[in-house]
Amino acid sequence: MKDQPKPTADLVRQLRTRLGLTQEKLAARLGVTFPTINRWENGRANPSPLALKQIEDLLAALGEEGDDLRSQYFPKKAI
């Protein structure tokens, strides 16, 4: 049985916590609205592919502190 992908809500919440940001501040950093971040964290909506790329970039900027989340949510694709 394949592992199910982790819910995006967990990713957004953990990233925000690691960055020490409020939902409002993370929204500003990603160029979205506060209600958008709130919907993502509550599992009522999912980030767009562009937003997911921005989230991955923020994790990369965290260096080792973000590596575990990057490997969980953004596994490397075989070429």
Protein backbone atom coordinates (compact mmCIF):
# COMPACT_ATOMS: atom_id res chain seq x y z
CA MET A 1 0.00 0.00 0.00
CA LYS A 2 1.39 3.38 -0.99
CA ASP A 3 1.88 6.13 1.54
CA GLN A 4 -0.81 8.76 1.30
CA PRO A 5 0.46 12.28 0.70
CA LYS A 6 0.42 14.41 3.82
CA PRO A 7 -2.33 17.00 3.96
CA THR A 8 -1.23 20.39 2.71
CA ALA A 9 -2.84 21.96 5.79
CA ASP A 10 -0.10 20.40 7.93
CA LEU A 11 2.61 21.72 5.64
CA VAL A 12 1.31 25.29 5.71
CA ARG A 13 0.88 25.26 9.49
CA GLN A 14 4.34 23.79 10.13
CA LEU A 15 6.03 26.21 7.72
CA ARG A 16 4.31 29.18 9.31
CA THR A 17 5.29 28.00 12.78
CA ARG A 18 8.93 27.47 11.80
CA LEU A 19 9.09 30.91 10.25
CA GLY A 20 7.50 32.40 13.37
CA LEU A 21 4.82 34.14 11.32
CA THR A 22 1.14 34.80 11.85
CA GLN A 23 -1.31 33.74 9.16
CA GLU A 24 -1.48 37.39 8.10
CA LYS A 25 2.29 37.71 7.77
CA LEU A 26 2.63 34.43 5.84
CA ALA A 27 -0.16 35.61 3.54
CA ALA A 28 1.74 38.83 2.84
CA ARG A 29 4.96 36.88 2.21
CA LEU A 30 3.22 34.61 -0.32
CA GLY A 31 1.14 37.38 -1.93
CA VAL A 32 -2.21 35.91 -0.90
CA THR A 33 -4.89 36.99 1.55
CA PHE A 34 -5.26 36.02 5.20
CA PRO A 35 -8.49 34.07 4.49
CA THR A 36 -6.59 32.06 1.88
CA ILE A 37 -3.95 30.97 4.41
CA ASN A 38 -6.72 30.22 6.90
CA ARG A 39 -8.52 27.99 4.36
CA TRP A 40 -5.26 26.17 3.54
CA GLU A 41 -4.51 25.52 7.21
CA ASN A 42 -8.04 24.30 7.88
CA GLY A 43 -8.00 21.99 4.85
CA ARG A 44 -10.83 23.78 3.08
CA ALA A 45 -8.65 24.69 0.09
CA ASN A 46 -5.28 23.78 -1.37
CA PRO A 47 -2.50 26.09 -2.55
CA SER A 48 -2.12 26.64 -6.28
CA PRO A 49 0.93 25.15 -8.01
CA LEU A 50 2.56 28.62 -7.91
CA ALA A 51 1.91 28.95 -4.18
CA LEU A 52 3.29 25.45 -3.60
CA LYS A 53 6.47 26.47 -5.44
CA GLN A 54 6.76 29.55 -3.20
CA ILE A 55 6.26 27.35 -0.13
CA GLU A 56 8.96 24.98 -1.35
CA ASP A 57 11.29 27.95 -1.88
CA LEU A 58 10.64 29.18 1.67
CA LEU A 59 11.50 25.72 2.98
CA ALA A 60 14.70 25.74 0.93
CA ALA A 61 15.61 29.12 2.42
CA LEU A 62 15.30 27.59 5.90
CA GLY A 63 18.18 25.26 5.06
CA GLU A 64 18.50 22.23 7.32
CA GLU A 65 15.54 23.41 9.41
CA GLY A 66 13.26 22.94 6.40
CA ASP A 67 14.82 19.81 4.91
CA ASP A 68 12.50 17.37 6.67
CA LEU A 69 9.38 19.13 5.42
CA ARG A 70 10.82 19.42 1.91
CA SER A 71 11.50 15.68 1.76
CA GLN A 72 8.01 14.89 3.12
CA TYR A 73 6.00 17.18 0.91
CA PHE A 74 8.21 17.72 -2.13
CA PRO A 75 9.92 14.41 -2.88
CA LYS A 76 12.40 14.53 -5.72
CA LYS A 77 10.93 13.24 -8.95
CA ALA A 78 12.93 10.77 -10.98
CA ILE A 79 13.94 12.12 -14.38
